[in-house]
Protein backbone atom coordinates (compact mmCIF):
# COMPACT_ATOMS: atom_id res chain seq x y z
CA MET A 1 -4.98 -25.06 15.54
CA HIS A 2 -3.29 -27.54 13.15
CA CYS A 3 -0.50 -26.33 10.87
CA GLY A 4 -2.10 -27.77 7.74
CA ARG A 5 -5.44 -26.32 8.32
CA MET A 6 -6.72 -23.29 6.34
CA ARG A 7 -7.29 -20.52 8.94
CA SER A 8 -8.82 -17.04 8.89
CA ILE A 9 -7.31 -14.91 11.60
CA PHE A 10 -8.10 -11.37 12.51
CA LEU A 11 -5.27 -8.95 12.99
CA ALA A 12 -5.67 -5.64 14.84
CA GLY A 13 -4.64 -2.79 12.57
CA VAL A 14 -1.35 -3.68 10.85
CA GLY A 15 0.37 -4.83 14.05
CA LEU A 16 0.96 -8.38 15.21
CA CYS A 17 -1.67 -10.07 17.33
CA ALA A 18 -0.30 -12.43 20.02
CA LEU A 19 -2.65 -15.32 19.22
CA ALA A 20 -2.39 -18.62 20.88
CA GLY A 21 -1.64 -21.40 18.55
CA LEU A 22 -0.30 -19.19 15.69
CA VAL A 23 2.57 -21.04 14.13
CA ALA A 24 6.00 -19.28 13.57
CA ALA A 25 5.78 -19.46 9.94
CA ASP A 26 2.48 -17.42 10.01
CA GLU A 27 4.00 -15.03 12.49
CA ASP A 28 6.85 -14.39 10.21
CA ALA A 29 4.46 -13.83 7.27
CA VAL A 30 2.40 -11.34 9.10
CA ALA A 31 5.53 -9.39 10.22
CA THR A 32 6.86 -9.39 6.62
CA GLY A 33 3.44 -8.25 5.31
CA ASP A 34 3.02 -5.64 8.07
CA ARG A 35 6.46 -4.12 7.28
CA LEU A 36 5.90 -4.15 3.48
CA ALA A 37 2.64 -2.27 3.89
CA ALA A 38 4.22 0.22 6.37
CA LEU A 39 7.05 1.10 4.01
CA LEU A 40 4.65 1.54 1.14
CA ARG A 41 2.50 3.85 3.31
CA ALA A 42 5.52 5.71 4.47
CA SER A 43 6.72 6.36 0.87
CA ARG A 44 3.19 7.35 -0.25
CA SER A 45 3.14 9.84 2.57
CA VAL A 46 6.35 11.34 1.44
CA VAL A 47 5.04 11.81 -2.09
CA SER A 48 1.78 13.36 -0.55
CA SER A 49 3.70 15.84 1.62
CA HIS A 50 5.62 17.05 -1.41
CA GLN A 51 2.54 17.64 -3.73
CA ASP A 52 3.08 21.48 -3.48
CA LEU A 53 6.67 21.08 -4.50
CA ILE A 54 5.98 18.68 -7.29
CA ASN A 55 3.24 20.93 -8.70
CA ASP A 56 5.21 24.11 -8.35
CA GLN A 57 5.24 25.41 -11.86
CA SER A 58 7.71 28.29 -11.10
CA LYS A 59 10.43 25.80 -10.17
CA GLY A 60 12.43 23.54 -12.34
CA ASN A 61 14.76 21.22 -10.42
CA LYS A 62 12.87 20.08 -7.36
CA ASP A 63 15.65 18.07 -5.81
CA LEU A 64 13.21 15.26 -5.13
CA SER A 65 15.23 12.24 -6.09
CA GLY A 66 14.34 8.57 -5.61
CA GLU A 67 17.09 8.39 -2.98
CA ARG A 68 15.59 11.34 -1.11
CA VAL A 69 12.07 9.82 -1.10
CA VAL A 70 13.51 6.42 0.10
CA ALA A 71 15.49 8.13 2.91
CA GLU A 72 12.37 10.13 4.14
CA ALA A 73 10.21 7.06 3.93
CA ILE A 74 12.68 5.09 6.09
CA THR A 75 12.58 7.90 8.56
CA ILE A 76 8.83 7.74 8.82
CA PHE A 77 8.80 4.00 8.84
CA ALA A 78 11.26 3.79 11.80
CA GLY A 79 9.33 6.36 13.71
CA GLN A 80 6.09 4.49 13.31
CA LYS A 81 7.36 0.98 13.78
CA GLY A 82 10.19 1.70 16.32
CA THR A 83 12.62 -0.23 14.25
CA SER A 84 14.57 0.07 11.08
CA ILE A 85 13.96 -1.96 7.85
CA PRO A 86 15.42 -5.45 7.68
CA SER A 87 19.23 -5.45 7.61
CA ASP A 88 21.81 -7.96 6.51
CA SER A 89 21.04 -9.87 9.70
CA SER A 90 17.44 -10.44 8.71
CA SER A 91 16.23 -13.57 6.96
CA GLY A 92 17.20 -13.86 3.23
CA LEU A 93 13.59 -13.47 2.04
CA ASP A 94 12.85 -10.33 4.20
CA LYS A 95 15.93 -8.66 2.92
CA LEU A 96 15.22 -9.54 -0.62
CA LEU A 97 11.67 -8.16 -0.52
CA PHE A 98 12.64 -5.01 1.23
CA ASP A 99 15.50 -4.38 -1.04
CA ALA A 100 13.10 -4.89 -3.86
CA GLN A 101 10.66 -2.46 -2.49
CA MET A 102 13.16 0.22 -1.72
CA ALA A 103 14.53 -0.23 -5.24
CA ALA A 104 11.09 0.13 -6.70
CA ILE A 105 10.39 3.28 -4.79
CA ARG A 106 13.62 4.79 -5.91
CA GLU A 107 13.26 3.81 -9.52
CA VAL A 108 9.71 5.10 -9.89
CA VAL A 109 10.67 8.53 -8.57
CA ASP A 110 13.79 8.60 -10.67
CA ASP A 111 11.87 7.51 -13.83
CA HIS A 112 9.50 10.52 -13.36
CA GLN A 113 12.25 13.17 -12.83
CA GLU A 114 11.53 14.82 -16.17
CA LEU A 115 7.89 15.25 -15.31
CA ILE A 116 8.45 16.30 -11.76
CA ASN A 117 10.97 18.92 -12.77
CA THR A 118 9.00 20.35 -15.69
CA LYS A 119 8.77 24.14 -15.33
CA GLY A 120 5.71 25.95 -16.30
CA VAL A 121 3.33 23.03 -15.73
CA GLY A 122 1.36 22.89 -12.42
CA PHE A 123 -0.58 19.71 -11.60
CA LYS A 124 1.70 16.74 -12.69
CA GLY A 125 -0.55 13.91 -11.88
CA PHE A 126 2.17 12.27 -9.84
CA ILE A 127 -0.13 11.70 -6.91
CA PRO A 128 0.10 9.22 -4.07
CA SER A 129 -2.24 6.60 -5.46
CA THR A 130 -0.52 6.63 -8.79
CA PHE A 131 2.88 6.50 -7.23
CA ALA A 132 1.87 3.54 -5.05
CA ARG A 133 0.53 1.55 -8.04
CA LEU A 134 3.67 2.00 -9.99
CA VAL A 135 5.82 1.07 -7.04
CA ASN A 136 3.74 -2.22 -6.57
CA GLU A 137 4.10 -2.91 -10.29
CA ARG A 138 7.87 -2.48 -10.23
CA PHE A 139 7.96 -4.60 -7.14
CA GLU A 140 6.20 -7.34 -8.90
CA GLU A 141 8.46 -7.15 -11.80
CA LYS A 142 11.44 -7.74 -9.37
CA VAL A 143 10.06 -10.38 -7.06
CA GLY A 144 6.71 -11.33 -8.38
CA ASP A 145 7.48 -15.03 -8.10
CA LYS A 146 7.87 -14.60 -4.32
CA ALA A 147 5.56 -11.77 -3.34
CA ARG A 148 2.99 -9.31 -4.86
CA MET A 149 1.37 -6.15 -3.48
CA LYS A 150 -1.55 -4.13 -4.68
CA VAL A 151 -3.75 -1.30 -3.40
CA THR A 152 -7.42 -2.09 -4.17
CA ALA A 153 -10.76 -0.64 -3.09
CA PRO A 154 -14.36 -1.55 -3.01
CA GLU A 155 -16.43 -1.73 -6.25
CA GLY A 156 -17.44 1.75 -7.37
CA GLN A 157 -14.23 3.36 -5.81
CA ILE A 158 -11.79 1.97 -8.34
CA ARG A 159 -10.26 4.66 -10.55
CA ASN A 160 -7.80 2.44 -12.36
CA ARG A 161 -8.77 -0.91 -13.77
CA LYS A 162 -5.44 -2.31 -12.75
CA ALA A 163 -6.43 -1.74 -9.16
CA ARG A 164 -9.62 -3.87 -9.35
CA ALA A 165 -9.96 -6.42 -6.56
CA ASP A 166 -9.77 -10.10 -7.42
CA ASP A 167 -12.30 -12.55 -6.10
CA TRP A 168 -10.54 -13.16 -2.80
CA GLU A 169 -10.01 -9.48 -2.13
CA ARG A 170 -13.64 -8.65 -3.16
CA HIS A 171 -14.90 -11.19 -0.82
CA VAL A 172 -12.92 -9.97 2.08
CA ILE A 173 -13.85 -6.25 1.47
CA ASP A 174 -17.65 -6.99 0.94
CA ASP A 175 -18.12 -9.59 3.64
CA ARG A 176 -15.83 -8.29 6.26
CA PHE A 177 -14.52 -4.76 5.88
CA LEU A 178 -17.84 -3.34 4.79
CA SER A 179 -19.77 -5.25 7.41
CA PRO A 180 -21.25 -2.94 10.03
CA ASP A 181 -19.92 -5.22 12.76
CA TRP A 182 -16.38 -5.38 11.39
CA PRO A 183 -13.97 -3.85 13.92
CA LYS A 184 -12.52 -0.73 12.37
CA GLY A 185 -8.81 -1.01 11.64
CA LYS A 186 -8.68 -4.91 11.82
CA SER A 187 -6.91 -6.71 9.00
CA PHE A 188 -7.49 -10.14 7.56
CA PHE A 189 -5.20 -12.87 6.55
CA GLU A 190 -5.52 -16.49 5.27
CA GLU A 191 -3.73 -19.25 3.62
CA VAL A 192 -5.21 -19.88 0.31
CA GLU A 193 -4.15 -21.00 -3.20
CA MET A 194 -3.27 -18.39 -5.78
CA ASP A 195 -2.25 -19.01 -9.30
CA GLY A 196 -2.04 -22.67 -8.60
CA ARG A 197 0.33 -22.09 -5.69
CA PRO A 198 -0.01 -22.08 -1.83
CA SER A 199 0.26 -18.62 -0.51
CA PHE A 200 -0.27 -16.41 2.39
CA ARG A 201 -2.58 -13.57 1.71
CA MET A 202 -3.14 -10.42 3.79
CA LEU A 203 -5.57 -7.56 3.32
CA ILE A 204 -5.11 -4.38 5.38
CA PRO A 205 -8.03 -1.85 5.32
CA GLU A 206 -7.34 1.76 4.81
CA TYR A 207 -9.73 4.65 5.65
CA TYR A 208 -10.15 8.18 4.10
CA SER A 209 -8.46 10.95 6.10
CA ALA A 210 -9.43 14.65 5.91
CA SER A 211 -6.67 15.25 3.19
CA CYS A 212 -8.28 12.59 0.96
CA LEU A 213 -11.51 14.46 0.73
CA THR A 214 -10.24 16.97 -1.68
CA CYS A 215 -10.53 14.30 -4.31
CA HIS A 216 -12.91 11.83 -2.72
CA GLY A 217 -15.27 13.88 -0.64
CA GLN A 218 -18.32 16.15 -1.31
CA PRO A 219 -20.04 17.08 -3.44
CA LYS A 220 -20.43 13.71 -4.93
CA GLY A 221 -20.00 13.72 -8.71
CA GLU A 222 -17.97 16.99 -8.93
CA VAL A 223 -14.89 16.45 -10.93
CA ASP A 224 -11.65 16.73 -8.91
CA ILE A 225 -8.24 17.94 -9.96
CA THR A 226 -7.40 14.54 -11.41
CA GLY A 227 -10.44 14.61 -13.72
CA TYR A 228 -12.43 12.05 -11.87
CA PRO A 229 -15.83 12.53 -10.22
CA LYS A 230 -15.74 12.69 -6.46
CA GLU A 231 -17.18 9.68 -4.57
CA GLY A 232 -18.88 11.82 -1.78
CA LYS A 233 -17.00 10.03 0.97
CA ALA A 234 -16.45 11.20 4.53
CA GLU A 235 -13.54 10.97 6.83
CA GLY A 236 -13.21 7.48 8.29
CA ASP A 237 -15.05 5.73 5.51
CA LEU A 238 -13.36 2.68 3.95
CA ALA A 239 -11.13 3.91 1.17
CA GLY A 240 -9.43 0.67 0.07
CA ALA A 241 -7.04 -1.93 1.25
CA ILE A 242 -3.40 -2.96 0.78
CA SER A 243 -3.21 -6.48 -0.48
CA ILE A 244 -0.16 -8.52 0.03
CA THR A 245 0.64 -12.04 -1.21
CA LEU A 246 3.56 -14.17 -0.02
CA PHE A 247 4.05 -17.36 -2.07
CA LYS A 248 5.02 -20.43 -0.03
């Protein structure tokens, strides 16, 4: 495989594939995208695990600071990846991106302290999907000239217009992830042009777990706690994808 040739490569899950001919630059990009997605998922998992606390109307101060969420996310990340986040010994770009992502997580949680700590109010609407969108938007504010992240989904499953798939994401979702013969859990990445700039784009599929079905399961059309009609999905159905762009 020649370095200058546009290439489409399948990636098993969000881990690295040992693919013959893969250039070091692509390996680094996949590793960076893999870790960014893993930390986003870990922080989203922390917010999910604390939904009862966040929505506890009998309690005021929840002691759920941005620093706490970051610390718990790093613990989950390290347990899943078997390694810590990039340190001072990592490449400058890696450290810049992960510092920005951790800062975005911390800031989004801290910016919502008044809501989280409001006594007498039950459901706060500070749910994992909203949290992830806000983190990705804050991340783009910090390093959008170098990298961008988004959580998107198939047409008909988008609840926020800001999460709509662009043409490249839609093509990958429709032609690959939703294809009956697409190996479940495999991601896709490609070198393409975005906003007139050469870029490395990576799309990582996500699937509904049992806990997601409270809002996205049966009966289809029933309004869930967030005010949206349920999609009638089942555990294991394609829920969406984490989209990562690294500009060259």
